[in-house]
N, C-alpha and C. Protein backbone atom coordinates (compact mmCIF):
# COMPACT_ATOMS: atom_id res chain seq x y z
N MET A 1 27.76 -33.63 10.61
CA MET A 1 29.48 -32.57 11.19
C MET A 1 29.48 -32.31 12.89
N THR A 2 30.57 -32.48 13.35
CA THR A 2 30.63 -32.10 15.08
C THR A 2 30.54 -31.04 15.06
N SER A 3 30.75 -30.17 16.20
CA SER A 3 31.16 -28.73 16.22
C SER A 3 32.92 -29.25 16.27
N SER A 4 33.71 -29.43 16.33
CA SER A 4 35.17 -30.40 16.56
C SER A 4 35.47 -29.84 14.56
N SER A 5 34.50 -31.22 14.15
CA SER A 5 35.10 -30.93 12.89
C SER A 5 34.92 -29.98 11.84
N ALA A 6 33.68 -28.90 12.57
CA ALA A 6 33.37 -27.69 11.99
C ALA A 6 34.36 -27.10 11.78
N THR A 7 35.57 -26.85 12.64
CA THR A 7 36.90 -26.09 12.58
C THR A 7 37.87 -27.33 12.48
N THR A 8 37.79 -28.00 12.31
CA THR A 8 38.99 -28.88 11.59
C THR A 8 39.58 -28.73 10.70
N VAL A 9 40.48 -28.24 10.31
CA VAL A 9 40.82 -28.48 8.38
C VAL A 9 42.32 -29.34 8.29
N HIS A 10 41.73 -30.46 7.47
CA HIS A 10 43.29 -31.84 6.75
C HIS A 10 43.87 -31.03 5.68
N LEU A 11 45.20 -31.04 6.32
CA LEU A 11 46.32 -31.19 4.95
C LEU A 11 46.97 -31.79 4.80
N ALA A 12 46.93 -32.53 3.52
CA ALA A 12 47.99 -33.76 2.80
C ALA A 12 49.12 -33.35 3.10
N VAL A 13 49.80 -34.06 3.65
CA VAL A 13 51.21 -33.98 3.74
C VAL A 13 52.45 -35.31 2.70
N TYR A 14 53.19 -35.04 1.70
CA TYR A 14 53.44 -36.12 1.37
C TYR A 14 55.56 -35.35 0.53
N ASP A 15 55.95 -36.41 0.44
CA ASP A 15 57.32 -35.87 0.34
C ASP A 15 57.24 -35.10 -0.72
N THR A 16 58.04 -34.12 -0.56
CA THR A 16 58.37 -32.64 -1.56
C THR A 16 56.96 -31.40 -1.72
N PHE A 17 56.07 -31.98 -0.49
CA PHE A 17 55.14 -31.44 -0.83
C PHE A 17 55.54 -29.35 -0.82
N ALA A 18 54.74 -29.19 -1.36
CA ALA A 18 55.25 -27.46 -1.21
C ALA A 18 55.22 -26.82 -0.18
N ASP A 19 56.07 -26.75 0.27
CA ASP A 19 55.34 -26.00 2.40
C ASP A 19 54.88 -24.95 1.70
N TRP A 20 55.38 -23.92 1.23
CA TRP A 20 54.79 -22.30 1.18
C TRP A 20 53.86 -22.50 0.59
N GLU A 21 53.12 -22.94 -0.31
CA GLU A 21 51.71 -23.05 -0.68
C GLU A 21 50.89 -22.61 -0.16
N THR A 22 51.05 -23.06 1.57
CA THR A 22 49.76 -23.71 1.93
C THR A 22 50.03 -22.57 3.35
N GLY A 23 51.08 -22.03 3.35
CA GLY A 23 51.51 -20.92 4.58
C GLY A 23 50.53 -19.70 5.55
N TYR A 24 50.31 -19.46 4.15
CA TYR A 24 48.93 -18.31 4.54
C TYR A 24 47.64 -18.43 5.43
N ALA A 25 47.94 -19.83 4.50
CA ALA A 25 46.04 -20.22 4.55
C ALA A 25 46.08 -20.91 5.85
N THR A 26 47.19 -21.73 6.75
CA THR A 26 46.98 -22.41 7.71
C THR A 26 47.49 -21.75 9.07
N ALA A 27 48.56 -20.44 8.75
CA ALA A 27 48.71 -19.88 9.68
C ALA A 27 47.34 -18.73 10.24
N HIS A 28 46.81 -18.38 9.32
CA HIS A 28 45.50 -17.84 9.65
C HIS A 28 44.70 -18.16 9.92
N LEU A 29 44.14 -19.39 9.74
CA LEU A 29 43.57 -20.30 10.06
C LEU A 29 43.59 -20.79 11.92
N THR A 30 44.84 -20.95 12.37
CA THR A 30 45.11 -21.48 13.36
C THR A 30 44.55 -20.28 13.99
N GLN A 31 45.47 -19.15 14.15
CA GLN A 31 44.79 -17.51 14.61
C GLN A 31 43.61 -17.82 15.03
N ASN A 32 43.16 -18.02 13.68
CA ASN A 32 40.71 -18.33 13.95
C ASN A 32 40.41 -18.98 14.13
N GLY A 33 41.24 -19.99 15.07
CA GLY A 33 40.30 -20.80 15.99
C GLY A 33 40.02 -22.02 15.53
N TYR A 34 40.85 -22.49 14.29
CA TYR A 34 40.45 -23.95 13.48
C TYR A 34 41.81 -24.49 13.96
N THR A 35 41.74 -25.71 13.74
CA THR A 35 43.21 -27.01 13.86
C THR A 35 43.23 -27.11 12.17
N VAL A 36 44.40 -27.56 12.53
CA VAL A 36 44.88 -27.96 11.05
C VAL A 36 45.62 -29.75 11.38
N ARG A 37 44.97 -30.17 10.78
CA ARG A 37 45.72 -31.63 11.15
C ARG A 37 46.34 -32.34 9.72
N THR A 38 47.63 -32.74 9.84
CA THR A 38 48.18 -33.26 8.02
C THR A 38 47.81 -34.90 8.24
N VAL A 39 47.65 -34.69 7.41
CA VAL A 39 47.57 -36.18 6.64
C VAL A 39 48.75 -36.70 5.73
N GLY A 40 49.26 -37.96 6.05
CA GLY A 40 49.71 -38.84 5.18
C GLY A 40 49.98 -39.78 4.64
N LEU A 41 50.03 -40.46 3.28
CA LEU A 41 49.59 -41.63 2.81
C LEU A 41 49.71 -42.95 3.87
N SER A 42 50.78 -42.55 5.16
CA SER A 42 50.58 -43.10 6.33
C SER A 42 50.97 -42.40 7.34
N ARG A 43 51.63 -42.55 8.57
CA ARG A 43 51.77 -42.00 9.40
C ARG A 43 53.12 -41.77 9.50
N GLU A 44 54.53 -42.63 8.81
CA GLU A 44 55.48 -42.09 8.40
C GLU A 44 56.05 -40.84 8.26
N PRO A 45 56.53 -39.98 8.97
CA PRO A 45 56.88 -38.60 9.11
C PRO A 45 58.00 -38.20 7.30
N VAL A 46 57.09 -37.52 6.52
CA VAL A 46 57.56 -36.68 5.42
C VAL A 46 58.40 -35.28 5.29
N THR A 47 59.11 -35.63 4.12
CA THR A 47 60.28 -34.44 4.25
C THR A 47 59.29 -33.22 3.12
N THR A 48 59.23 -32.34 3.46
CA THR A 48 58.74 -30.81 2.49
C THR A 48 59.86 -30.60 1.48
N MET A 49 59.12 -29.65 0.10
CA MET A 49 60.59 -29.35 -0.77
C MET A 49 61.49 -28.59 -0.05
N GLY A 50 60.66 -27.74 1.13
CA GLY A 50 61.67 -26.99 1.44
C GLY A 50 62.90 -27.70 2.78
N GLY A 51 63.00 -28.99 2.96
CA GLY A 51 63.45 -29.95 3.64
C GLY A 51 62.63 -29.83 5.07
N LEU A 52 61.86 -29.33 5.65
CA LEU A 52 61.31 -29.69 6.48
C LEU A 52 60.66 -31.05 7.17
N ARG A 53 60.59 -31.72 8.49
CA ARG A 53 60.50 -32.80 8.38
C ARG A 53 58.68 -32.79 8.94
N VAL A 54 57.94 -33.61 8.66
CA VAL A 54 56.81 -33.41 8.88
C VAL A 54 56.03 -34.61 9.38
N GLN A 55 55.45 -35.10 10.97
CA GLN A 55 54.97 -36.09 10.97
C GLN A 55 53.45 -36.11 10.98
N PRO A 56 52.83 -36.83 10.12
CA PRO A 56 50.98 -37.15 9.83
C PRO A 56 50.39 -37.11 11.16
N ASP A 57 49.37 -36.31 11.39
CA ASP A 57 48.46 -36.92 12.34
C ASP A 57 47.72 -38.13 12.55
N LEU A 58 47.25 -38.53 11.01
CA LEU A 58 46.90 -38.96 10.67
C LEU A 58 47.42 -39.47 9.41
N ALA A 59 47.01 -41.12 9.30
CA ALA A 59 46.92 -41.93 7.30
C ALA A 59 45.75 -41.55 7.10
N LEU A 60 46.01 -41.41 5.50
CA LEU A 60 45.03 -41.29 4.73
C LEU A 60 43.52 -41.87 4.74
N ASP A 61 43.83 -43.54 4.97
CA ASP A 61 43.34 -44.39 5.68
C ASP A 61 42.01 -44.37 6.61
N GLU A 62 42.50 -43.49 7.14
CA GLU A 62 42.07 -43.05 8.32
C GLU A 62 40.62 -41.89 8.47
N LEU A 63 41.22 -41.02 7.30
CA LEU A 63 40.44 -39.72 7.05
C LEU A 63 39.22 -39.82 6.92
N ARG A 64 38.13 -39.18 7.01
CA ARG A 64 36.73 -39.41 7.00
C ARG A 64 36.25 -38.00 7.00
N PRO A 65 35.55 -37.65 5.76
CA PRO A 65 34.71 -36.34 5.31
C PRO A 65 34.15 -36.02 6.38
N GLN A 66 33.17 -36.73 7.46
CA GLN A 66 32.55 -35.95 8.25
C GLN A 66 33.14 -34.95 9.66
N ASP A 67 34.77 -35.35 9.56
CA ASP A 67 35.24 -34.82 10.31
C ASP A 67 36.31 -34.12 10.24
N SER A 68 35.94 -33.77 8.72
CA SER A 68 36.26 -31.92 8.36
C SER A 68 35.68 -31.09 7.97
N ALA A 69 36.34 -29.92 7.85
CA ALA A 69 35.08 -29.10 7.36
C ALA A 69 36.25 -28.14 6.22
N LEU A 70 37.48 -29.40 5.60
CA LEU A 70 37.94 -28.40 4.45
C LEU A 70 39.36 -29.75 4.40
N LEU A 71 39.74 -30.02 3.01
CA LEU A 71 40.71 -30.68 3.07
C LEU A 71 41.27 -30.08 1.78
N ILE A 72 43.11 -29.77 1.97
CA ILE A 72 43.90 -28.77 1.50
C ILE A 72 45.00 -29.71 1.17
N LEU A 73 45.08 -29.88 -0.80
CA LEU A 73 46.00 -30.48 -1.58
C LEU A 73 46.96 -29.63 -1.76
N THR A 74 48.52 -30.02 -2.06
CA THR A 74 49.43 -28.89 -2.07
C THR A 74 49.89 -29.49 -3.02
N GLY A 75 50.78 -28.70 -4.19
CA GLY A 75 51.91 -29.31 -4.99
C GLY A 75 53.01 -30.48 -5.08
N ALA A 76 53.26 -30.82 -5.17
CA ALA A 76 54.74 -31.60 -4.82
C ALA A 76 55.16 -32.30 -6.43
N ALA A 77 56.14 -32.95 -6.46
CA ALA A 77 56.96 -33.76 -7.20
C ALA A 77 56.01 -34.81 -7.18
N GLY A 78 55.59 -35.26 -6.67
CA GLY A 78 55.13 -36.73 -6.73
C GLY A 78 53.50 -36.69 -7.76
N TRP A 79 52.62 -35.70 -8.12
CA TRP A 79 51.93 -35.78 -8.92
C TRP A 79 51.96 -35.57 -10.24
N ASP A 80 52.99 -35.30 -10.96
CA ASP A 80 53.79 -35.36 -12.22
C ASP A 80 54.41 -36.88 -12.39
N THR A 81 54.70 -37.34 -11.83
CA THR A 81 55.94 -38.42 -11.61
C THR A 81 55.46 -40.25 -11.69
N GLY A 82 53.99 -40.19 -11.55
CA GLY A 82 53.41 -41.37 -11.09
C GLY A 82 52.10 -41.11 -10.44
N ASP A 83 52.16 -42.57 -9.88
CA ASP A 83 50.71 -42.65 -9.65
C ASP A 83 50.90 -42.48 -7.86
N THR A 84 51.80 -42.36 -7.05
CA THR A 84 51.89 -41.94 -5.85
C THR A 84 50.67 -41.72 -5.21
N LEU A 85 50.47 -39.84 -5.69
CA LEU A 85 49.76 -39.44 -4.45
C LEU A 85 48.19 -39.37 -5.74
N ALA A 86 47.57 -40.05 -6.61
CA ALA A 86 46.65 -40.39 -6.82
C ALA A 86 45.66 -40.77 -5.54
N PRO A 87 45.92 -41.63 -4.82
CA PRO A 87 44.93 -41.66 -3.55
C PRO A 87 44.26 -40.49 -2.62
N PHE A 88 45.01 -39.50 -2.88
CA PHE A 88 44.55 -38.38 -2.45
C PHE A 88 44.08 -37.53 -3.07
N ALA A 89 43.93 -37.72 -4.43
CA ALA A 89 42.66 -37.39 -5.55
C ALA A 89 41.47 -38.02 -5.44
N ARG A 90 41.28 -39.67 -5.40
CA ARG A 90 40.80 -40.15 -5.13
C ARG A 90 39.69 -39.41 -3.44
N ALA A 91 40.88 -39.30 -2.51
CA ALA A 91 39.92 -38.76 -0.64
C ALA A 91 39.72 -37.33 -1.62
N ALA A 92 39.98 -36.66 -2.37
CA ALA A 92 39.39 -35.52 -2.66
C ALA A 92 37.59 -35.99 -3.45
N ARG A 93 37.78 -36.51 -4.35
CA ARG A 93 36.65 -37.31 -4.60
C ARG A 93 35.35 -37.12 -3.90
N THR A 94 35.88 -38.12 -2.72
CA THR A 94 35.04 -38.78 -1.81
C THR A 94 34.85 -37.03 -0.89
N PHE A 95 35.49 -36.46 -0.61
CA PHE A 95 34.76 -34.88 0.15
C PHE A 95 34.07 -34.50 -0.57
N LEU A 96 34.34 -34.26 -1.24
CA LEU A 96 33.38 -33.74 -2.30
C LEU A 96 31.88 -33.70 -2.59
N ASP A 97 32.00 -35.83 -2.84
CA ASP A 97 30.64 -36.42 -2.82
C ASP A 97 30.07 -36.25 -1.69
N ALA A 98 30.77 -35.82 -0.46
CA ALA A 98 30.03 -35.96 0.75
C ALA A 98 29.61 -34.68 1.08
N GLY A 99 29.81 -33.38 0.07
CA GLY A 99 29.29 -32.15 0.55
C GLY A 99 30.80 -31.16 1.03
N VAL A 100 32.27 -31.53 1.42
CA VAL A 100 33.14 -31.45 1.93
C VAL A 100 34.10 -30.52 1.23
N PRO A 101 34.11 -29.38 0.97
CA PRO A 101 35.02 -28.80 0.59
C PRO A 101 36.49 -29.16 0.34
N VAL A 102 36.81 -29.26 -0.88
CA VAL A 102 38.99 -29.08 -1.47
C VAL A 102 39.33 -28.49 -1.55
N ALA A 103 40.21 -27.80 -1.21
CA ALA A 103 40.92 -26.73 -1.65
C ALA A 103 42.65 -27.23 -2.36
N ALA A 104 42.69 -27.14 -3.68
CA ALA A 104 43.83 -27.43 -4.72
C ALA A 104 44.53 -26.55 -4.71
N ILE A 105 46.27 -26.61 -4.99
CA ILE A 105 47.17 -25.55 -5.33
C ILE A 105 48.26 -26.17 -6.00
N CYS A 106 48.64 -25.52 -7.26
CA CYS A 106 49.57 -26.50 -7.81
C CYS A 106 49.37 -27.43 -8.72
N GLY A 107 50.73 -28.28 -8.49
CA GLY A 107 50.69 -29.31 -8.93
C GLY A 107 49.07 -30.76 -8.36
N ALA A 108 48.54 -30.24 -7.26
CA ALA A 108 47.14 -30.97 -7.14
C ALA A 108 46.37 -31.00 -8.54
N THR A 109 45.94 -29.44 -8.76
CA THR A 109 45.61 -29.93 -9.36
C THR A 109 45.64 -30.47 -10.75
N ALA A 110 46.99 -30.87 -11.19
CA ALA A 110 46.63 -32.13 -11.90
C ALA A 110 46.09 -33.36 -11.35
N GLY A 111 46.29 -33.49 -10.10
CA GLY A 111 45.97 -34.83 -9.66
C GLY A 111 44.40 -34.61 -9.59
N LEU A 112 43.94 -33.78 -9.43
CA LEU A 112 42.30 -33.33 -9.73
C LEU A 112 42.29 -33.73 -10.66
N ALA A 113 42.81 -33.57 -12.29
CA ALA A 113 41.93 -33.19 -13.61
C ALA A 113 42.24 -34.88 -13.60
N ARG A 114 43.23 -35.48 -13.33
CA ARG A 114 43.17 -36.99 -13.68
C ARG A 114 42.36 -38.07 -13.55
N GLU A 115 41.48 -37.34 -12.14
CA GLU A 115 40.49 -37.67 -11.42
C GLU A 115 39.59 -37.23 -12.06
N GLY A 116 39.56 -36.93 -12.58
CA GLY A 116 37.95 -36.27 -13.67
C GLY A 116 37.30 -35.17 -12.77
N LEU A 117 37.69 -34.19 -11.48
CA LEU A 117 37.19 -33.68 -10.69
C LEU A 117 36.97 -32.13 -11.35
N LEU A 118 37.46 -31.41 -12.64
CA LEU A 118 37.91 -30.60 -12.99
C LEU A 118 37.07 -30.55 -14.69
N ASP A 119 36.35 -31.89 -14.83
CA ASP A 119 35.90 -31.67 -15.88
C ASP A 119 35.10 -30.86 -15.77
N ASP A 120 33.94 -30.38 -14.85
CA ASP A 120 32.26 -30.30 -15.00
C ASP A 120 32.83 -28.29 -14.02
N ARG A 121 33.67 -28.28 -13.64
CA ARG A 121 33.51 -27.56 -12.81
C ARG A 121 34.78 -26.23 -13.53
N ALA A 122 34.29 -24.92 -12.80
CA ALA A 122 35.21 -23.86 -13.40
C ALA A 122 37.08 -24.12 -12.26
N HIS A 123 37.86 -24.21 -12.92
CA HIS A 123 38.84 -24.40 -11.98
C HIS A 123 39.93 -23.37 -12.59
N THR A 124 41.01 -23.33 -12.09
CA THR A 124 42.57 -22.80 -12.58
C THR A 124 43.41 -23.75 -12.15
N SER A 125 44.50 -23.24 -12.33
CA SER A 125 45.82 -23.61 -12.09
C SER A 125 47.00 -22.75 -12.35
N ALA A 126 48.28 -23.44 -13.10
CA ALA A 126 49.54 -22.58 -13.23
C ALA A 126 49.23 -22.07 -14.55
N VAL A 127 48.97 -22.44 -15.97
CA VAL A 127 48.65 -22.31 -16.99
C VAL A 127 48.00 -23.45 -17.79
N SER A 128 47.10 -23.23 -18.98
CA SER A 128 45.88 -23.64 -19.19
C SER A 128 46.11 -25.23 -19.34
N PHE A 129 47.70 -25.11 -20.40
CA PHE A 129 48.21 -26.72 -21.29
C PHE A 129 48.31 -27.14 -20.33
N TYR A 130 49.45 -26.56 -18.66
CA TYR A 130 50.03 -27.86 -18.10
C TYR A 130 48.47 -29.04 -17.49
N LEU A 131 47.01 -28.50 -16.90
CA LEU A 131 46.49 -29.46 -16.98
C LEU A 131 45.85 -30.02 -18.23
N ALA A 132 46.15 -29.39 -19.53
CA ALA A 132 46.05 -30.26 -20.84
C ALA A 132 46.64 -31.35 -20.89
N ALA A 133 47.47 -31.14 -20.59
CA ALA A 133 48.42 -32.77 -20.63
C ALA A 133 48.17 -33.75 -20.18
N THR A 134 47.20 -33.67 -18.96
CA THR A 134 46.84 -34.75 -18.26
C THR A 134 45.81 -35.42 -19.05
N GLY A 135 45.29 -34.49 -19.91
CA GLY A 135 43.77 -35.36 -21.13
C GLY A 135 42.95 -35.46 -20.54
N TYR A 136 42.70 -34.27 -19.78
CA TYR A 136 41.23 -34.06 -19.50
C TYR A 136 40.02 -33.51 -19.73
N ALA A 137 39.19 -33.53 -19.44
CA ALA A 137 38.02 -33.08 -20.32
C ALA A 137 37.16 -31.90 -20.05
N GLY A 138 38.20 -31.12 -18.63
CA GLY A 138 37.28 -30.16 -18.20
C GLY A 138 38.19 -28.75 -18.82
N GLY A 139 38.85 -28.57 -20.51
CA GLY A 139 39.74 -27.12 -20.54
C GLY A 139 38.81 -26.62 -20.97
N GLU A 140 37.50 -26.37 -21.27
CA GLU A 140 36.34 -25.12 -21.19
C GLU A 140 36.23 -24.51 -20.14
N ARG A 141 36.92 -25.79 -19.50
CA ARG A 141 35.93 -25.01 -18.00
C ARG A 141 37.18 -24.10 -17.00
N TYR A 142 38.69 -23.83 -17.87
CA TYR A 142 39.09 -23.05 -16.82
C TYR A 142 39.60 -21.99 -17.19
N VAL A 143 39.48 -21.14 -15.98
CA VAL A 143 39.30 -19.80 -16.26
C VAL A 143 41.04 -19.01 -16.03
N GLU A 144 40.78 -17.91 -16.29
CA GLU A 144 42.32 -17.49 -16.35
C GLU A 144 42.65 -16.15 -15.18
N VAL A 145 42.35 -16.47 -13.93
CA VAL A 145 42.39 -15.71 -12.73
C VAL A 145 43.74 -16.33 -11.27
N ASP A 146 43.41 -15.91 -10.60
CA ASP A 146 44.82 -16.01 -9.38
C ASP A 146 44.04 -17.23 -8.84
N ALA A 147 42.92 -17.22 -8.24
CA ALA A 147 42.28 -18.62 -7.67
C ALA A 147 40.47 -17.89 -7.80
N VAL A 148 40.23 -19.95 -7.55
CA VAL A 148 38.34 -19.57 -8.13
C VAL A 148 37.49 -21.24 -7.14
N THR A 149 36.93 -20.22 -6.71
CA THR A 149 36.05 -21.03 -6.06
C THR A 149 34.59 -21.47 -7.09
N ALA A 150 34.77 -23.12 -6.66
CA ALA A 150 33.90 -24.05 -8.23
C ALA A 150 32.52 -24.20 -7.05
N PRO A 151 31.40 -23.68 -6.98
CA PRO A 151 30.34 -24.56 -6.26
C PRO A 151 30.20 -25.72 -6.76
N GLY A 152 29.28 -26.56 -5.73
CA GLY A 152 29.73 -27.75 -5.90
C GLY A 152 29.00 -28.33 -7.32
N ALA A 153 29.21 -29.72 -7.48
CA ALA A 153 28.47 -30.33 -8.73
C ALA A 153 28.66 -31.64 -8.23
N ASP A 154 27.77 -32.72 -8.82
CA ASP A 154 27.27 -33.80 -8.20
C ASP A 154 27.72 -34.73 -10.23
N ARG A 155 27.83 -35.86 -10.06
CA ARG A 155 28.89 -36.68 -10.90
C ARG A 155 28.27 -36.79 -12.26
N ALA A 156 27.00 -35.69 -12.37
CA ALA A 156 26.37 -35.62 -13.54
C ALA A 156 26.87 -34.66 -14.26
N GLY A 157 27.11 -33.44 -13.26
CA GLY A 157 28.25 -32.20 -14.04
C GLY A 157 27.51 -31.25 -13.30
N ARG A 158 25.68 -31.57 -12.37
CA ARG A 158 24.77 -30.47 -12.29
C ARG A 158 25.48 -30.14 -10.97
N GLU A 159 25.18 -28.40 -11.02
CA GLU A 159 25.51 -27.56 -10.25
C GLU A 159 24.95 -27.31 -9.32
N GLY A 160 25.26 -27.85 -7.33
CA GLY A 160 24.19 -27.12 -6.38
C GLY A 160 24.19 -28.39 -5.54
N ALA A 161 25.13 -29.67 -6.01
CA ALA A 161 25.17 -30.87 -5.41
C ALA A 161 26.85 -30.87 -5.13
N GLY A 162 26.95 -31.88 -4.03
CA GLY A 162 28.92 -32.11 -3.49
C GLY A 162 29.37 -30.54 -2.94
N GLY A 163 30.72 -30.61 -2.78
CA GLY A 163 31.33 -29.50 -2.14
C GLY A 163 31.96 -29.00 -2.97
N ARG A 164 32.66 -27.51 -2.79
CA ARG A 164 32.95 -26.38 -3.22
C ARG A 164 34.33 -27.13 -3.42
N LEU A 165 35.03 -26.00 -4.79
CA LEU A 165 36.41 -27.03 -4.69
C LEU A 165 37.14 -25.61 -5.32
N ILE A 166 38.07 -24.91 -4.62
CA ILE A 166 39.34 -24.61 -4.33
C ILE A 166 40.14 -24.64 -5.41
N THR A 167 40.37 -24.34 -6.58
CA THR A 167 41.91 -24.17 -7.27
C THR A 167 42.73 -22.71 -7.60
N ALA A 168 43.92 -22.92 -7.31
CA ALA A 168 44.62 -21.46 -7.81
C ALA A 168 46.41 -22.49 -8.47
N GLY A 169 46.76 -21.42 -8.89
CA GLY A 169 48.16 -22.09 -9.34
C GLY A 169 49.40 -21.45 -8.34
N PRO A 170 51.04 -22.52 -8.55
CA PRO A 170 51.84 -21.75 -7.65
C PRO A 170 52.41 -20.77 -7.12
N THR A 171 52.23 -19.81 -7.98
CA THR A 171 52.58 -18.75 -7.56
C THR A 171 51.25 -17.88 -7.31
N GLU A 172 50.24 -18.38 -6.43
CA GLU A 172 49.06 -17.47 -5.26
C GLU A 172 49.01 -17.45 -4.39
N PRO A 173 49.41 -17.84 -3.30
CA PRO A 173 49.47 -18.45 -2.27
C PRO A 173 48.44 -17.56 -1.56
N VAL A 174 48.99 -16.54 -1.70
CA VAL A 174 47.61 -15.32 -1.04
C VAL A 174 46.17 -15.28 -1.56
N ALA A 175 46.15 -15.72 -2.46
CA ALA A 175 45.11 -15.43 -3.14
C ALA A 175 44.44 -16.62 -3.30
N PHE A 176 45.47 -17.96 -2.31
CA PHE A 176 44.49 -19.33 -2.70
C PHE A 176 44.30 -19.05 -0.87
N ALA A 177 44.65 -18.78 -0.11
CA ALA A 177 44.30 -18.39 1.30
C ALA A 177 43.13 -17.43 1.07
N ARG A 178 43.04 -17.04 0.45
CA ARG A 178 41.84 -15.69 0.25
C ARG A 178 40.20 -16.80 0.07
N GLU A 179 40.55 -17.24 -0.63
CA GLU A 179 39.14 -18.39 -0.85
C GLU A 179 39.16 -19.38 -0.53
N VAL A 180 39.71 -19.22 0.76
CA VAL A 180 40.11 -20.13 1.93
C VAL A 180 38.96 -20.20 3.20
N PHE A 181 39.44 -18.71 2.92
CA PHE A 181 38.68 -17.97 4.20
C PHE A 181 37.35 -17.28 4.20
N ALA A 182 36.95 -17.01 2.76
CA ALA A 182 35.98 -16.78 2.34
C ALA A 182 35.08 -17.53 2.41
N LEU A 183 35.47 -18.99 1.73
CA LEU A 183 34.56 -20.35 2.17
C LEU A 183 34.46 -20.73 3.60
N LEU A 184 34.93 -20.56 3.95
CA LEU A 184 35.26 -20.87 5.62
C LEU A 184 34.31 -19.79 6.51
N GLY A 185 33.97 -18.57 5.83
CA GLY A 185 33.65 -17.38 7.10
C GLY A 185 34.67 -17.42 7.68
N VAL A 186 35.96 -17.13 7.15
CA VAL A 186 36.87 -17.03 8.96
C VAL A 186 36.83 -15.19 9.00
N TYR A 187 36.76 -14.35 7.51
CA TYR A 187 36.31 -13.32 8.23
C TYR A 187 35.45 -12.75 7.11
N ASP A 188 34.70 -11.15 8.06
CA ASP A 188 33.66 -10.73 7.05
C ASP A 188 34.20 -10.26 6.03
N GLU A 189 33.26 -9.48 5.01
CA GLU A 189 33.90 -9.21 3.84
C GLU A 189 34.37 -8.38 3.45
N LYS A 190 34.62 -6.83 4.77
CA LYS A 190 35.91 -5.90 4.60
C LYS A 190 36.84 -6.25 5.49
N LYS A 191 37.30 -7.44 6.15
CA LYS A 191 38.35 -7.80 6.81
C LYS A 191 39.04 -8.53 5.87
N LEU A 192 38.34 -9.39 4.88
CA LEU A 192 38.77 -10.37 4.08
C LEU A 192 39.63 -9.40 2.88
N ASP A 193 38.92 -8.36 2.25
CA ASP A 193 39.47 -7.78 1.58
C ASP A 193 41.20 -7.11 2.07
N ALA A 194 41.07 -6.45 3.34
CA ALA A 194 41.79 -5.92 3.85
C ALA A 194 42.85 -6.97 4.31
N TRP A 195 42.92 -8.02 4.65
CA TRP A 195 43.26 -9.26 4.87
C TRP A 195 44.59 -9.58 3.29
N TYR A 196 43.56 -9.42 2.60
CA TYR A 196 43.88 -9.60 0.74
C TYR A 196 45.14 -8.25 0.44
N ARG A 197 44.77 -7.17 0.51
CA ARG A 197 45.68 -6.06 0.28
C ARG A 197 46.77 -6.07 1.19
N LEU A 198 46.80 -6.36 2.29
CA LEU A 198 47.61 -6.27 3.47
C LEU A 198 48.78 -7.18 2.65
N PHE A 199 48.30 -8.32 2.62
CA PHE A 199 50.02 -9.42 2.41
C PHE A 199 49.62 -9.59 0.97
N HIS A 200 48.96 -9.32 -0.24
CA HIS A 200 49.33 -9.73 -1.14
C HIS A 200 49.42 -7.93 -1.93
N ASP A 201 49.07 -6.80 -0.98
CA ASP A 201 49.52 -5.47 -2.01
C ASP A 201 50.77 -4.85 -1.53
N SER A 202 51.04 -5.27 0.35
CA SER A 202 51.41 -4.83 0.85
C SER A 202 50.88 -3.36 1.69
N ASP A 203 49.53 -2.89 1.21
CA ASP A 203 49.22 -2.09 1.78
C ASP A 203 49.00 -1.74 3.05
N ALA A 204 49.64 -0.60 3.73
CA ALA A 204 49.92 -0.58 5.09
C ALA A 204 48.76 0.06 5.56
N SER A 205 47.87 0.27 5.35
CA SER A 205 46.42 0.96 5.75
C SER A 205 45.54 0.08 6.15
N ALA A 206 46.03 -1.07 5.44
CA ALA A 206 44.76 -2.22 5.42
C ALA A 206 44.84 -2.79 7.27
N TYR A 207 46.11 -2.81 7.27
CA TYR A 207 46.04 -3.22 8.76
C TYR A 207 45.49 -2.81 9.96
N GLU A 208 45.14 -1.66 10.08
CA GLU A 208 43.87 -1.20 10.93
C GLU A 208 42.35 -1.68 10.72
N VAL A 209 42.10 -1.82 9.56
CA VAL A 209 41.13 -2.58 9.12
C VAL A 209 40.66 -3.78 9.73
N LEU A 210 41.94 -4.41 9.87
CA LEU A 210 42.07 -5.81 9.81
C LEU A 210 42.29 -6.09 11.49
N GLN A 211 42.58 -5.23 12.12
CA GLN A 211 42.97 -5.29 13.86
C GLN A 211 41.65 -4.59 13.88
N GLY A 212 40.58 -3.78 13.65
CA GLY A 212 39.16 -3.37 14.04
C GLY A 212 38.69 -3.86 14.61
N GLU A 213 37.30 -3.77 15.19
CA GLU A 213 36.16 -4.56 15.93
C GLU A 213 35.24 -5.25 14.47
């Protein structure tokens, strides 16, 4: 990993991607020295669920794990209506196998379930039966939390190898961002707690802590 790749985060973009789900994460990453690059199936523009037109910085076949600190996958209608987005789930496998972390929220978790990436890792999503409908084998590893970061696992399911994996449900963009910041070391523990209290709980007292040296 080069010095630039250590601060480059890749955000997958595709038609109807849920643009609000990563807003907290990407906004505060860029404010803390990270570069967010968008990745599409091609370099053709896509339209988000919120109606925003996004021009991808690169196509999926140009994406390499060694050029990235993290791959982020959001929800979109395409995760549940066919195999159009399956290449992104395969890219997630490539990242994890290379030891580079992946963060998936909402429908992207179903895509990872279909790819077999949740069978041997702790994970969460919208609800357990949403993932169960994919036919995956990881139901026993489902946890009822807002977001979770699982340690790396190899193809045999042994922990300690491969990249870490963050998962969250569609109503938890703040918790999702919290896990991303913790994984990348964006804030120290005290400031991370303050960030979460400010943006999740509207705790005004956390602002002073977050702005402190």
